[in-house]
Amino acid sequence: MFFAVDFDITLTQWSFVASENFRATCRMLGRDRMEIYDHSRVCDWAREDAMIADLGGANS
């Protein structure tokens, strides 16, 4: 499942708000079913926080 953040989020907002929502969704759906469609910063933050599926790409 793909999820998005619909505004220009800051790292602080990611760390204290959005990541908690994604973390809860991860627990419900499983990390292997999580993907984020968003700005590259958000995708990087989600990958660094292990909140999206590891698809085994070169940058995993």
PDB file of N, CA and C in Angstrom:
ATOM      1  N   MET A   1       0.845  -1.155   0.000  1.00  0.00           N
ATOM      2  CA  MET A   1       0.000   0.000   0.000  1.00  0.00           C
ATOM      3  C   MET A   1       0.891   1.219   0.000  1.00  0.00           C
ATOM      4  N   PHE A   2       0.477   2.211  -0.758  1.00  0.00           N
ATOM      5  CA  PHE A   2       1.219   3.456  -0.825  1.00  0.00           C
ATOM      6  C   PHE A   2       0.518   4.518   0.010  1.00  0.00           C
ATOM      7  N   PHE A   3       1.322   5.294   0.718  1.00  0.00           N
ATOM      8  CA  PHE A   3       0.812   6.399   1.529  1.00  0.00           C
ATOM      9  C   PHE A   3       1.597   7.644   1.177  1.00  0.00           C
ATOM     10  N   ALA A   4       1.009   8.798   1.397  1.00  0.00           N
ATOM     11  CA  ALA A   4       1.668  10.060   1.066  1.00  0.00           C
ATOM     12  C   ALA A   4       1.485  11.074   2.184  1.00  0.00           C
ATOM     13  N   VAL A   5       2.425  12.005   2.242  1.00  0.00           N
ATOM     14  CA  VAL A   5       2.314  13.181   3.104  1.00  0.00           C
ATOM     15  C   VAL A   5       1.987  14.327   2.156  1.00  0.00           C
ATOM     16  N   ASP A   6       0.851  14.974   2.353  1.00  0.00           N
ATOM     17  CA  ASP A   6       0.345  15.931   1.372  1.00  0.00           C
ATOM     18  C   ASP A   6       0.755  17.371   1.603  1.00  0.00           C
ATOM     19  N   PHE A   7       1.898  17.586   2.243  1.00  0.00           N
ATOM     20  CA  PHE A   7       2.405  18.951   2.373  1.00  0.00           C
ATOM     21  C   PHE A   7       3.918  18.890   2.526  1.00  0.00           C
ATOM     22  N   ASP A   8       4.567  20.032   2.418  1.00  0.00           N
ATOM     23  CA  ASP A   8       6.024  20.113   2.498  1.00  0.00           C
ATOM     24  C   ASP A   8       6.459  19.954   3.951  1.00  0.00           C
ATOM     25  N   ILE A   9       6.630  18.731   4.372  1.00  0.00           N
ATOM     26  CA  ILE A   9       6.897  18.393   5.766  1.00  0.00           C
ATOM     27  C   ILE A   9       8.361  18.651   6.123  1.00  0.00           C
ATOM     28  N   THR A  10       8.585  19.048   7.347  1.00  0.00           N
ATOM     29  CA  THR A  10       9.948  19.240   7.848  1.00  0.00           C
ATOM     30  C   THR A  10      10.405  17.972   8.569  1.00  0.00           C
ATOM     31  N   LEU A  11      11.684  17.876   8.822  1.00  0.00           N
ATOM     32  CA  LEU A  11      12.195  16.728   9.559  1.00  0.00           C
ATOM     33  C   LEU A  11      11.595  16.675  10.962  1.00  0.00           C
ATOM     34  N   THR A  12      11.418  17.818  11.588  1.00  0.00           N
ATOM     35  CA  THR A  12      10.806  17.860  12.921  1.00  0.00           C
ATOM     36  C   THR A  12       9.383  17.327  12.876  1.00  0.00           C
ATOM     37  N   GLN A  13       8.601  17.736  11.872  1.00  0.00           N
ATOM     38  CA  GLN A  13       7.231  17.232  11.732  1.00  0.00           C
ATOM     39  C   GLN A  13       7.234  15.735  11.454  1.00  0.00           C
ATOM     40  N   TRP A  14       8.186  15.292  10.638  1.00  0.00           N
ATOM     41  CA  TRP A  14       8.294  13.854  10.375  1.00  0.00           C
ATOM     42  C   TRP A  14       8.567  13.110  11.672  1.00  0.00           C
ATOM     43  N   SER A  15       9.552  13.598  12.412  1.00  0.00           N
ATOM     44  CA  SER A  15      10.010  12.895  13.610  1.00  0.00           C
ATOM     45  C   SER A  15       8.965  12.802  14.708  1.00  0.00           C
ATOM     46  N   PHE A  16       8.144  13.843  14.850  1.00  0.00           N
ATOM     47  CA  PHE A  16       7.221  13.883  15.985  1.00  0.00           C
ATOM     48  C   PHE A  16       5.752  13.653  15.639  1.00  0.00           C
ATOM     49  N   VAL A  17       5.407  13.671  14.357  1.00  0.00           N
ATOM     50  CA  VAL A  17       4.003  13.486  13.994  1.00  0.00           C
ATOM     51  C   VAL A  17       3.843  12.374  12.956  1.00  0.00           C
ATOM     52  N   ALA A  18       4.339  12.604  11.764  1.00  0.00           N
ATOM     53  CA  ALA A  18       4.097  11.670  10.657  1.00  0.00           C
ATOM     54  C   ALA A  18       4.687  10.292  10.924  1.00  0.00           C
ATOM     55  N   SER A  19       5.897  10.247  11.475  1.00  0.00           N
ATOM     56  CA  SER A  19       6.506   8.936  11.699  1.00  0.00           C
ATOM     57  C   SER A  19       5.686   8.096  12.666  1.00  0.00           C
ATOM     58  N   GLU A  20       5.049   8.728  13.628  1.00  0.00           N
ATOM     59  CA  GLU A  20       4.196   7.980  14.562  1.00  0.00           C
ATOM     60  C   GLU A  20       2.994   7.372  13.841  1.00  0.00           C
ATOM     61  N   ASN A  21       2.425   8.128  12.911  1.00  0.00           N
ATOM     62  CA  ASN A  21       1.305   7.599  12.122  1.00  0.00           C
ATOM     63  C   ASN A  21       1.758   6.435  11.239  1.00  0.00           C
ATOM     64  N   PHE A  22       2.903   6.602  10.581  1.00  0.00           N
ATOM     65  CA  PHE A  22       3.417   5.522   9.736  1.00  0.00           C
ATOM     66  C   PHE A  22       3.831   4.314  10.571  1.00  0.00           C
ATOM     67  N   ARG A  23       4.390   4.538  11.727  1.00  0.00           N
ATOM     68  CA  ARG A  23       4.786   3.435  12.614  1.00  0.00           C
ATOM     69  C   ARG A  23       3.555   2.611  13.021  1.00  0.00           C
ATOM     70  N   ALA A  24       2.473   3.298  13.357  1.00  0.00           N
ATOM     71  CA  ALA A  24       1.230   2.611  13.725  1.00  0.00           C
ATOM     72  C   ALA A  24       0.664   1.832  12.538  1.00  0.00           C
ATOM     73  N   THR A  25       0.719   2.428  11.366  1.00  0.00           N
ATOM     74  CA  THR A  25       0.232   1.747  10.167  1.00  0.00           C
ATOM     75  C   THR A  25       1.087   0.527   9.870  1.00  0.00           C
ATOM     76  N   CYS A  26       2.392   0.652  10.074  1.00  0.00           N
ATOM     77  CA  CYS A  26       3.312  -0.485   9.902  1.00  0.00           C
ATOM     78  C   CYS A  26       2.916  -1.644  10.809  1.00  0.00           C
ATOM     79  N   ARG A  27       2.580  -1.322  12.036  1.00  0.00           N
ATOM     80  CA  ARG A  27       2.185  -2.381  12.982  1.00  0.00           C
ATOM     81  C   ARG A  27       0.905  -3.062  12.522  1.00  0.00           C
ATOM     82  N   MET A  28       0.000  -2.305  11.949  1.00  0.00           N
ATOM     83  CA  MET A  28      -1.283  -2.864  11.508  1.00  0.00           C
ATOM     84  C   MET A  28      -1.150  -3.687  10.224  1.00  0.00           C
ATOM     85  N   LEU A  29      -0.424  -3.155   9.249  1.00  0.00           N
ATOM     86  CA  LEU A  29      -0.353  -3.784   7.934  1.00  0.00           C
ATOM     87  C   LEU A  29       0.881  -4.651   7.729  1.00  0.00           C
ATOM     88  N   GLY A  30       1.928  -4.367   8.458  1.00  0.00           N
ATOM     89  CA  GLY A  30       3.208  -5.031   8.248  1.00  0.00           C
ATOM     90  C   GLY A  30       4.102  -4.200   7.351  1.00  0.00           C
ATOM     91  N   ARG A  31       5.356  -4.106   7.735  1.00  0.00           N
ATOM     92  CA  ARG A  31       6.317  -3.283   6.994  1.00  0.00           C
ATOM     93  C   ARG A  31       6.432  -3.705   5.532  1.00  0.00           C
ATOM     94  N   ASP A  32       6.331  -5.000   5.266  1.00  0.00           N
ATOM     95  CA  ASP A  32       6.484  -5.496   3.897  1.00  0.00           C
ATOM     96  C   ASP A  32       5.379  -5.022   2.961  1.00  0.00           C
ATOM     97  N   ARG A  33       4.326  -4.415   3.498  1.00  0.00           N
ATOM     98  CA  ARG A  33       3.224  -3.907   2.677  1.00  0.00           C
ATOM     99  C   ARG A  33       3.216  -2.380   2.596  1.00  0.00           C
ATOM    100  N   MET A  34       4.216  -1.735   3.168  1.00  0.00           N
ATOM    101  CA  MET A  34       4.244  -0.271   3.256  1.00  0.00           C
ATOM    102  C   MET A  34       5.172   0.343   2.207  1.00  0.00           C
ATOM    103  N   GLU A  35       4.689   1.352   1.538  1.00  0.00           N
ATOM    104  CA  GLU A  35       5.481   2.194   0.646  1.00  0.00           C
ATOM    105  C   GLU A  35       4.967   3.620   0.786  1.00  0.00           C
ATOM    106  N   ILE A  36       5.840   4.571   0.493  1.00  0.00           N
ATOM    107  CA  ILE A  36       5.461   5.986   0.576  1.00  0.00           C
ATOM    108  C   ILE A  36       5.702   6.627  -0.766  1.00  0.00           C
ATOM    109  N   TYR A  37       4.719   7.374  -1.226  1.00  0.00           N
ATOM    110  CA  TYR A  37       4.814   8.145  -2.449  1.00  0.00           C
ATOM    111  C   TYR A  37       4.900   9.597  -2.019  1.00  0.00           C
ATOM    112  N   ASP A  38       6.066  10.180  -2.160  1.00  0.00           N
ATOM    113  CA  ASP A  38       6.247  11.539  -1.672  1.00  0.00           C
ATOM    114  C   ASP A  38       7.568  12.099  -2.161  1.00  0.00           C
ATOM    115  N   HIS A  39       7.930  13.245  -1.635  1.00  0.00           N
ATOM    116  CA  HIS A  39       9.205  13.879  -1.932  1.00  0.00           C
ATOM    117  C   HIS A  39      10.337  12.941  -1.501  1.00  0.00           C
ATOM    118  N   SER A  40      11.468  13.010  -2.152  1.00  0.00           N
ATOM    119  CA  SER A  40      12.575  12.103  -1.856  1.00  0.00           C
ATOM    120  C   SER A  40      13.034  12.187  -0.401  1.00  0.00           C
ATOM    121  N   ARG A  41      12.931  13.368   0.217  1.00  0.00           N
ATOM    122  CA  ARG A  41      13.321  13.481   1.633  1.00  0.00           C
ATOM    123  C   ARG A  41      12.456  12.592   2.504  1.00  0.00           C
ATOM    124  N   VAL A  42      11.161  12.621   2.282  1.00  0.00           N
ATOM    125  CA  VAL A  42      10.236  11.805   3.074  1.00  0.00           C
ATOM    126  C   VAL A  42      10.517  10.323   2.839  1.00  0.00           C
ATOM    127  N   CYS A  43      10.748   9.945   1.599  1.00  0.00           N
ATOM    128  CA  CYS A  43      11.069   8.549   1.307  1.00  0.00           C
ATOM    129  C   CYS A  43      12.360   8.131   2.005  1.00  0.00           C
ATOM    130  N   ASP A  44      13.357   9.012   1.991  1.00  0.00           N
ATOM    131  CA  ASP A  44      14.616   8.715   2.676  1.00  0.00           C
ATOM    132  C   ASP A  44      14.414   8.571   4.177  1.00  0.00           C
ATOM    133  N   TRP A  45      13.649   9.476   4.776  1.00  0.00           N
ATOM    134  CA  TRP A  45      13.391   9.405   6.220  1.00  0.00           C
ATOM    135  C   TRP A  45      12.685   8.100   6.566  1.00  0.00           C
ATOM    136  N   ALA A  46      11.707   7.726   5.751  1.00  0.00           N
ATOM    137  CA  ALA A  46      10.964   6.487   6.007  1.00  0.00           C
ATOM    138  C   ALA A  46      11.877   5.275   5.869  1.00  0.00           C
ATOM    139  N   ARG A  47      12.748   5.298   4.876  1.00  0.00           N
ATOM    140  CA  ARG A  47      13.696   4.199   4.685  1.00  0.00           C
ATOM    141  C   ARG A  47      14.672   4.137   5.862  1.00  0.00           C
ATOM    142  N   GLU A  48      15.199   5.293   6.280  1.00  0.00           N
ATOM    143  CA  GLU A  48      16.136   5.337   7.407  1.00  0.00           C
ATOM    144  C   GLU A  48      15.497   4.835   8.701  1.00  0.00           C
ATOM    145  N   ASP A  49      14.198   5.108   8.861  1.00  0.00           N
ATOM    146  CA  ASP A  49      13.472   4.684  10.063  1.00  0.00           C
ATOM    147  C   ASP A  49      12.876   3.284   9.924  1.00  0.00           C
ATOM    148  N   ALA A  50      13.203   2.597   8.822  1.00  0.00           N
ATOM    149  CA  ALA A  50      12.722   1.230   8.561  1.00  0.00           C
ATOM    150  C   ALA A  50      11.198   1.139   8.631  1.00  0.00           C
ATOM    151  N   MET A  51      10.531   2.054   7.930  1.00  0.00           N
ATOM    152  CA  MET A  51       9.066   2.077   7.922  1.00  0.00           C
ATOM    153  C   MET A  51       8.456   1.679   6.602  1.00  0.00           C
ATOM    154  N   ILE A  52       9.287   1.358   5.626  1.00  0.00           N
ATOM    155  CA  ILE A  52       8.757   0.929   4.335  1.00  0.00           C
ATOM    156  C   ILE A  52       9.403  -0.395   3.953  1.00  0.00           C
ATOM    157  N   ALA A  53       8.793  -1.067   3.008  1.00  0.00           N
ATOM    158  CA  ALA A  53       9.261  -2.374   2.585  1.00  0.00           C
ATOM    159  C   ALA A  53      10.680  -2.283   2.028  1.00  0.00           C
ATOM    160  N   ASP A  54      11.471  -3.287   2.317  1.00  0.00           N
ATOM    161  CA  ASP A  54      12.812  -3.397   1.766  1.00  0.00           C
ATOM    162  C   ASP A  54      12.674  -4.226   0.495  1.00  0.00           C
ATOM    163  N   LEU A  55      12.764  -3.553  -0.640  1.00  0.00           N
ATOM    164  CA  LEU A  55      12.576  -4.241  -1.903  1.00  0.00           C
ATOM    165  C   LEU A  55      13.874  -4.775  -2.478  1.00  0.00           C
ATOM    166  N   GLY A  56      14.964  -4.629  -1.720  1.00  0.00           N
ATOM    167  CA  GLY A  56      16.236  -5.208  -2.153  1.00  0.00           C
ATOM    168  C   GLY A  56      16.921  -4.443  -3.259  1.00  0.00           C
ATOM    169  N   GLY A  57      16.609  -3.154  -3.414  1.00  0.00           N
ATOM    170  CA  GLY A  57      17.243  -2.360  -4.447  1.00  0.00           C
ATOM    171  C   GLY A  57      18.673  -1.998  -4.104  1.00  0.00           C
ATOM    172  N   ALA A  58      19.326  -1.315  -5.001  1.00  0.00           N
ATOM    173  CA  ALA A  58      20.732  -0.945  -4.830  1.00  0.00           C
ATOM    174  C   ALA A  58      20.938  -0.031  -3.637  1.00  0.00           C
ATOM    175  N   ASN A  59      19.932   0.754  -3.268  1.00  0.00           N
ATOM    176  CA  ASN A  59      20.078   1.705  -2.166  1.00  0.00           C
ATOM    177  C   ASN A  59      19.486   1.197  -0.869  1.00  0.00           C
ATOM    178  N   SER A  60      19.213  -0.071  -0.770  1.00  0.00           N
ATOM    179  CA  SER A  60      18.594  -0.630   0.432  1.00  0.00           C
ATOM    180  C   SER A  60      19.572  -0.690   1.574  1.00  0.00           C
TER     181      SER A  60
END
